[in-house]
Protein backbone atom coordinates (compact mmCIF):
# COMPACT_ATOMS: atom_id res chain seq x y z
CA MET A 1 -26.52 28.40 8.39
CA ILE A 2 -27.37 24.71 8.00
CA LYS A 3 -30.85 25.19 9.45
CA GLU A 4 -31.68 27.45 6.50
CA LYS A 5 -30.66 24.76 3.99
CA THR A 6 -33.16 22.29 2.55
CA VAL A 7 -32.28 18.60 2.90
CA THR A 8 -33.53 15.55 1.01
CA ALA A 9 -32.85 12.06 2.31
CA VAL A 10 -32.22 9.39 -0.34
CA ILE A 11 -32.71 5.76 0.69
CA LEU A 12 -31.37 3.17 -1.73
CA VAL A 13 -33.18 -0.17 -1.97
CA ALA A 14 -32.70 -1.00 -5.66
CA GLY A 15 -29.81 -3.46 -5.30
CA ASN A 16 -29.90 -7.05 -6.50
CA SER A 17 -29.22 -8.61 -3.06
CA SER A 18 -27.24 -11.30 -4.91
CA ARG A 19 -24.91 -11.95 -1.98
CA TYR A 20 -27.89 -12.26 0.36
CA GLY A 21 -28.59 -15.63 -1.22
CA GLN A 22 -32.34 -15.79 -0.56
CA ASN A 23 -33.70 -14.76 -3.98
CA ARG A 24 -35.42 -11.73 -2.49
CA ASN A 25 -34.62 -8.13 -1.64
CA LYS A 26 -33.03 -7.92 1.81
CA ASN A 27 -34.57 -4.48 2.34
CA PHE A 28 -38.02 -6.09 2.63
CA GLU A 29 -37.02 -8.71 5.20
CA ILE A 30 -38.72 -8.49 8.59
CA ILE A 31 -36.70 -7.64 11.70
CA HIS A 32 -38.67 -7.27 14.94
CA GLU A 33 -41.98 -6.71 13.13
CA ASN A 34 -40.65 -4.06 10.73
CA THR A 35 -39.06 -4.31 7.32
CA VAL A 36 -35.35 -3.56 7.17
CA MET A 37 -35.93 -0.40 5.13
CA SER A 38 -38.59 0.84 7.58
CA TYR A 39 -35.96 1.62 10.20
CA SER A 40 -34.21 4.03 7.85
CA LEU A 41 -37.51 5.55 6.76
CA LYS A 42 -38.51 6.25 10.35
CA ALA A 43 -35.09 7.63 11.27
CA PHE A 44 -35.14 10.21 8.49
CA ASP A 45 -38.82 10.99 9.02
CA GLU A 46 -38.13 11.83 12.67
CA ASN A 47 -35.07 13.98 11.98
CA ASN A 48 -35.58 17.75 12.19
CA TYR A 49 -33.13 18.53 9.40
CA ILE A 50 -34.88 16.38 6.80
CA ASP A 51 -37.50 17.98 4.57
CA ASN A 52 -38.47 15.05 2.38
CA ILE A 53 -37.46 11.51 1.44
CA ILE A 54 -36.74 9.82 -1.90
CA ILE A 55 -36.53 6.04 -2.25
CA GLY A 56 -34.46 4.63 -5.11
CA ALA A 57 -36.13 1.38 -6.14
CA LYS A 58 -36.55 -1.21 -8.87
CA LYS A 59 -39.63 -0.62 -11.01
CA ASP A 60 -41.15 -4.03 -10.30
CA GLU A 61 -40.72 -3.57 -6.54
CA ILE A 62 -42.55 -0.24 -6.31
CA PRO A 63 -45.86 -1.94 -5.30
CA ILE A 64 -44.07 -3.60 -2.37
CA ILE A 65 -42.69 -0.25 -1.22
CA GLU A 66 -46.05 1.46 -1.63
CA ASP A 67 -47.58 -1.22 0.59
CA ILE A 68 -44.88 -0.64 3.23
CA LEU A 69 -45.44 3.13 3.12
CA GLN A 70 -49.18 2.70 3.64
CA LYS A 71 -48.48 0.84 6.87
CA GLU A 72 -46.08 3.48 8.23
CA SER A 73 -47.20 6.68 9.95
CA LEU A 74 -44.74 9.02 8.25
CA THR A 75 -45.09 12.81 8.46
CA LYS A 76 -42.84 13.80 5.56
CA SER A 77 -43.43 13.39 1.84
CA VAL A 78 -41.90 10.29 0.29
CA ASN A 79 -41.31 9.87 -3.45
CA ILE A 80 -40.23 6.67 -5.18
CA VAL A 81 -37.75 6.99 -8.04
CA ILE A 82 -36.80 4.15 -10.35
CA GLY A 83 -33.14 3.31 -9.85
CA GLY A 84 -30.56 2.32 -12.43
CA ASP A 85 -28.41 -0.72 -13.15
CA SER A 86 -25.84 0.37 -10.55
CA ARG A 87 -25.74 2.23 -7.27
CA GLN A 88 -24.15 5.13 -9.12
CA GLU A 89 -27.04 5.36 -11.58
CA SER A 90 -29.63 5.02 -8.83
CA VAL A 91 -28.16 7.93 -6.89
CA TYR A 92 -28.01 10.04 -10.05
CA HIS A 93 -31.67 9.37 -10.81
CA CYS A 94 -32.68 10.28 -7.27
CA ILE A 95 -30.73 13.52 -6.91
CA GLN A 96 -32.19 14.74 -10.20
CA GLU A 97 -35.63 14.57 -8.58
CA THR A 98 -34.97 17.12 -5.83
CA GLU A 99 -34.06 20.81 -5.65
CA ALA A 100 -32.72 20.55 -2.10
CA ASP A 101 -29.48 22.24 -1.11
CA ILE A 102 -28.20 19.09 0.57
CA VAL A 103 -28.76 15.39 -0.08
CA ILE A 104 -28.04 12.70 2.48
CA ILE A 105 -27.76 9.22 1.00
CA HIS A 106 -28.27 6.00 2.95
CA ASP A 107 -28.29 2.27 2.27
CA GLY A 108 -31.74 0.95 3.10
CA ALA A 109 -30.03 -2.23 4.30
CA ARG A 110 -28.46 -0.43 7.30
CA PRO A 111 -31.34 -0.60 9.81
CA ALA A 112 -29.33 0.42 12.90
CA ILE A 113 -28.91 4.02 11.75
CA LYS A 114 -28.69 6.58 14.57
CA GLN A 115 -29.94 10.17 14.66
CA SER A 116 -26.43 11.32 15.56
CA TYR A 117 -25.13 9.97 12.23
CA ILE A 118 -27.68 12.03 10.32
CA ASN A 119 -27.12 15.18 12.36
CA GLU A 120 -23.33 15.13 12.28
CA CYS A 121 -23.17 14.45 8.54
CA ILE A 122 -25.49 17.34 7.78
CA GLU A 123 -23.75 19.70 10.22
CA ALA A 124 -20.40 18.89 8.57
CA MET A 125 -21.75 20.53 5.41
CA LYS A 126 -21.02 23.92 6.99
CA ASP A 127 -17.35 23.32 6.15
CA TYR A 128 -17.24 20.54 3.54
CA LYS A 129 -18.91 19.54 0.27
CA GLY A 130 -19.13 15.93 1.42
CA ALA A 131 -19.22 13.88 4.60
CA THR A 132 -19.63 10.20 5.41
CA VAL A 133 -19.98 8.01 8.45
CA GLY A 134 -17.18 5.48 8.85
CA VAL A 135 -15.35 3.33 11.36
CA ARG A 136 -11.66 2.73 11.85
CA SER A 137 -10.45 -0.58 10.48
CA LYS A 138 -9.79 -3.17 13.17
CA ASP A 139 -7.51 -5.09 10.83
CA THR A 140 -4.51 -4.35 8.69
CA ILE A 141 -5.64 -3.87 5.09
CA LYS A 142 -3.52 -5.17 2.21
CA ILE A 143 -3.70 -3.72 -1.29
CA THR A 144 -2.85 -6.21 -4.05
CA ASP A 145 -2.33 -6.29 -7.79
CA LYS A 146 -4.54 -8.29 -10.17
CA ASN A 147 -2.63 -11.46 -9.27
CA ASN A 148 -3.37 -11.06 -5.54
CA ILE A 149 0.21 -10.09 -4.81
CA VAL A 150 0.51 -7.55 -1.98
CA VAL A 151 1.80 -4.19 -3.17
CA GLN A 152 1.02 -2.10 -0.11
CA SER A 153 -0.20 -2.28 3.47
CA THR A 154 -2.28 0.57 4.83
CA LYS A 155 -1.57 2.22 8.15
CA ARG A 156 -4.35 0.95 10.39
CA SER A 157 -4.78 4.25 12.26
CA ASN A 158 -5.48 6.00 8.94
CA THR A 159 -7.66 3.28 7.40
CA TRP A 160 -11.43 3.59 7.57
CA ILE A 161 -14.35 1.38 6.57
CA VAL A 162 -16.90 3.66 4.98
CA GLN A 163 -20.58 3.34 5.84
CA THR A 164 -23.65 5.47 5.21
CA PRO A 165 -25.25 7.96 5.55
CA GLN A 166 -23.20 10.13 3.24
CA CYS A 167 -24.03 13.81 2.82
CA PHE A 168 -23.33 16.18 -0.07
CA ASP A 169 -23.94 19.57 -1.58
CA ARG A 170 -26.53 18.48 -4.14
CA LYS A 171 -25.52 20.78 -7.01
CA ASN A 172 -21.87 19.79 -6.66
CA LEU A 173 -22.70 16.08 -6.50
CA LEU A 174 -24.98 16.31 -9.52
CA ALA A 175 -22.24 18.06 -11.52
CA LEU A 176 -19.72 15.38 -10.54
CA HIS A 177 -22.05 12.57 -11.58
CA LYS A 178 -22.21 14.18 -15.02
CA LYS A 179 -18.46 14.87 -15.14
CA TYR A 180 -17.45 11.31 -14.21
CA GLU A 181 -20.40 9.55 -15.82
CA ILE A 182 -18.31 6.92 -17.60
CA GLU A 183 -16.15 6.11 -14.55
CA GLU A 184 -17.41 3.44 -12.18
CA VAL A 185 -17.52 4.36 -8.49
CA THR A 186 -18.85 2.36 -5.55
CA ASP A 187 -19.84 5.32 -3.42
CA ASP A 188 -20.39 9.03 -4.00
CA CYS A 189 -17.41 10.11 -1.92
CA MET A 190 -15.20 8.72 -4.68
CA LEU A 191 -16.55 11.35 -7.06
CA LEU A 192 -15.44 14.10 -4.70
CA GLU A 193 -12.07 12.43 -4.27
CA LYS A 194 -11.59 12.41 -8.05
CA ASN A 195 -12.40 16.12 -8.08
CA LYS A 196 -10.00 16.88 -5.18
CA ASP A 197 -12.87 17.97 -2.94
CA LYS A 198 -12.39 17.27 0.77
CA VAL A 199 -14.62 14.62 2.35
CA LYS A 200 -15.08 14.62 6.12
CA ILE A 201 -15.38 11.28 7.92
CA ILE A 202 -17.74 11.21 10.88
CA GLU A 203 -16.73 8.40 13.22
CA GLY A 204 -19.60 5.99 13.69
CA ASP A 205 -19.65 2.56 15.27
CA TYR A 206 -19.70 -1.08 14.24
CA THR A 207 -23.42 -1.55 14.95
CA ASN A 208 -24.20 0.38 11.76
CA ILE A 209 -23.91 -2.84 9.81
CA LYS A 210 -25.06 -3.24 6.22
CA ILE A 211 -27.00 -6.42 5.65
CA THR A 212 -25.18 -8.09 2.78
CA THR A 213 -25.33 -11.80 3.61
CA TYR A 214 -28.04 -13.72 5.42
CA GLU A 215 -25.73 -14.03 8.44
CA ASP A 216 -25.59 -10.21 8.60
CA ARG A 217 -29.36 -10.19 9.12
CA GLU A 218 -28.99 -12.13 12.37
CA ILE A 219 -26.31 -9.74 13.61
CA ALA A 220 -28.39 -6.71 12.65
CA LYS A 221 -31.37 -8.13 14.53
CA GLU A 222 -29.41 -7.96 17.79
CA PHE A 223 -28.23 -4.39 17.18
CA VAL A 224 -31.75 -3.26 16.32
CA LYS A 225 -33.13 -5.06 19.39
CA LYS A 226 -30.74 -3.14 21.65
CA SER A 227 -31.62 0.12 19.92
CA LEU A 228 -35.35 -0.46 20.39
CA ALA A 229 -34.78 -1.28 24.06
CA LYS A 230 -32.91 2.01 24.57
CA GLN A 231 -35.75 3.92 22.94
CA LYS A 232 -38.26 2.38 25.33
CA GLU A 233 -36.12 3.44 28.29
CA MET A 234 -36.09 7.09 27.17
């Protein structure tokens, strides 16, 4: 039974934000009076499945995060873990700091996260070792060689753009991080794929945008605004 499992939420904010182009961490930007990362913090804090939260952060940005936490009225314990030089290392550091049965990992720069994403990912763990939110590609995707020559076109109906949250059996994920330590991966689902473990995709929507560029911030502001308006109507 999933309700008997313990669940830790991991929020990643240790990236370099190099493509953001503003010489500052996009997770600390303000959108409608809250920092970008605050929306994820509140979403996991309010979710009934989540037992505690870990934030993967840069060492020199811990005081900023501590200041944000002091201003939030969170009910669950939050620990800050120093991340690594890559997303892969940051996740590994974080999942070593919990004994939970399940870990659910989220990009702090996705402020439009919905409770349904969290719930469905965790509930999928009844049947799978991994699950991720994703959306079907609107475009045809081309795979090229190193010279940018097309070698394959994907079938659009079977092509997905992966988002977060992503959910995993913690012990299995930890073992795979150790097993494939020297291989670079851009998300944790890739570790399961390498190990031939099945990963379930939970269909999300296109509002679950990750703020990567400054223009993304303006788009995210509108999605968050609509989400806040819906909450007030409830």
